[in-house]
Amino acid sequence: MSGMLINLIIQIIGGAIGGNVAGGAAKNVDLGTLGNTIAGAIGGGVGGQILGMVIPMLANSAATPDIGTIIGQVAGGGVAGAVLTAIVGALKNRTAA
């Protein structure tokens, strides 16, 4: 498998987890399990790719599979997924009111 594809899969999984954590922690931005997962996965994939460009060490986690870079990929994807879920949830609640 390509190193970029492995990085993307790690970031998407981290983002999906981060989206569900954000939705569970803040009920006012909760989109439901499926919505949190989708928003988190998109945020994790996109945000993780941006983070890989900013921090080149994280972009090579598949080429140099050490635990530090993999944890960095999961954390970056998780945070980006949580942020996008919170933004989408806040916008959804704002337009519904």
Protein backbone atom coordinates (compact mmCIF):
# COMPACT_ATOMS: atom_id res chain seq x y z
CA MET A 1 0.00 0.00 0.00
CA SER A 2 1.08 3.51 -0.67
CA GLY A 3 2.40 5.50 2.27
CA MET A 4 0.01 8.36 1.53
CA LEU A 5 -2.98 5.99 1.52
CA ILE A 6 -1.98 4.50 4.86
CA ASN A 7 -1.60 8.00 6.34
CA LEU A 8 -5.04 8.95 5.03
CA ILE A 9 -6.67 5.84 6.49
CA ILE A 10 -5.10 6.53 9.90
CA GLN A 11 -6.27 10.16 9.77
CA ILE A 12 -9.82 9.24 8.73
CA ILE A 13 -10.13 6.70 11.54
CA GLY A 14 -8.73 9.21 14.04
CA GLY A 15 -11.11 11.87 12.74
CA ALA A 16 -14.14 9.58 13.04
CA ILE A 17 -13.22 8.83 16.64
CA GLY A 18 -12.60 12.52 17.36
CA GLY A 19 -15.93 13.49 15.82
CA ASN A 20 -17.82 11.03 18.01
CA VAL A 21 -15.95 12.16 21.12
CA ALA A 22 -16.79 15.80 20.36
CA GLY A 23 -20.45 14.96 19.73
CA GLY A 24 -20.67 12.95 22.93
CA ALA A 25 -18.91 15.57 25.02
CA ALA A 26 -20.93 18.57 23.82
CA LYS A 27 -24.59 17.72 23.26
CA ASN A 28 -25.26 21.10 21.63
CA VAL A 29 -23.05 20.13 18.65
CA ASP A 30 -24.08 16.46 18.46
CA LEU A 31 -25.06 15.34 14.95
CA GLY A 32 -25.94 11.78 15.90
CA THR A 33 -23.56 8.86 15.59
CA LEU A 34 -23.56 8.73 11.80
CA GLY A 35 -23.29 12.52 11.40
CA ASN A 36 -20.47 12.74 13.93
CA THR A 37 -18.63 9.90 12.21
CA ILE A 38 -18.96 11.39 8.71
CA ALA A 39 -18.05 14.94 9.75
CA GLY A 40 -15.18 13.65 11.87
CA ALA A 41 -13.82 11.42 9.09
CA ILE A 42 -13.89 14.28 6.58
CA GLY A 43 -12.27 16.64 9.07
CA GLY A 44 -9.66 14.04 10.00
CA GLY A 45 -8.74 13.33 6.39
CA VAL A 46 -8.52 16.94 5.28
CA GLY A 47 -7.04 18.29 8.51
CA GLY A 48 -4.55 15.46 8.73
CA GLN A 49 -3.33 16.14 5.21
CA ILE A 50 -2.89 19.83 6.02
CA LEU A 51 -1.09 18.93 9.23
CA GLY A 52 1.20 16.61 7.23
CA MET A 53 2.15 19.52 5.00
CA VAL A 54 2.87 21.77 7.98
CA ILE A 55 4.77 19.10 9.95
CA PRO A 56 6.71 17.01 7.40
CA MET A 57 7.66 14.39 10.01
CA LEU A 58 4.01 13.30 10.17
CA ALA A 59 3.79 12.91 6.40
CA ASN A 60 6.29 10.02 6.42
CA SER A 61 4.65 7.78 9.03
CA ALA A 62 4.09 4.94 6.56
CA ALA A 63 7.67 5.13 5.25
CA THR A 64 9.09 5.15 8.77
CA PRO A 65 6.53 3.32 10.89
CA ASP A 66 7.47 4.36 14.39
CA ILE A 67 4.89 4.76 17.11
CA GLY A 68 5.46 8.51 17.50
CA THR A 69 4.48 9.39 13.95
CA ILE A 70 1.47 7.07 14.02
CA ILE A 71 0.27 8.65 17.27
CA GLY A 72 0.81 12.07 15.67
CA GLN A 73 -1.36 11.04 12.70
CA VAL A 74 -4.14 9.74 14.98
CA ALA A 75 -4.01 12.82 17.20
CA GLY A 76 -3.97 15.25 14.27
CA GLY A 77 -6.87 13.50 12.58
CA GLY A 78 -8.80 13.27 15.84
CA VAL A 79 -8.46 16.94 16.65
CA ALA A 80 -9.35 18.01 13.11
CA GLY A 81 -12.36 15.67 13.14
CA ALA A 82 -13.55 17.02 16.47
CA VAL A 83 -13.18 20.61 15.28
CA LEU A 84 -15.12 20.03 12.05
CA THR A 85 -17.86 18.16 13.93
CA ALA A 86 -18.18 21.04 16.40
CA ILE A 87 -18.35 23.61 13.59
CA VAL A 88 -20.96 21.66 11.60
CA GLY A 89 -23.00 20.95 14.74
CA ALA A 90 -22.95 24.59 15.79
CA LEU A 91 -24.01 25.74 12.31
CA LYS A 92 -26.79 23.15 12.21
CA ASN A 93 -28.13 24.22 15.59
CA ARG A 94 -27.88 27.89 14.68
CA THR A 95 -29.89 27.49 11.48
CA ALA A 96 -32.48 25.30 13.22
CA ALA A 97 -33.25 27.97 15.82
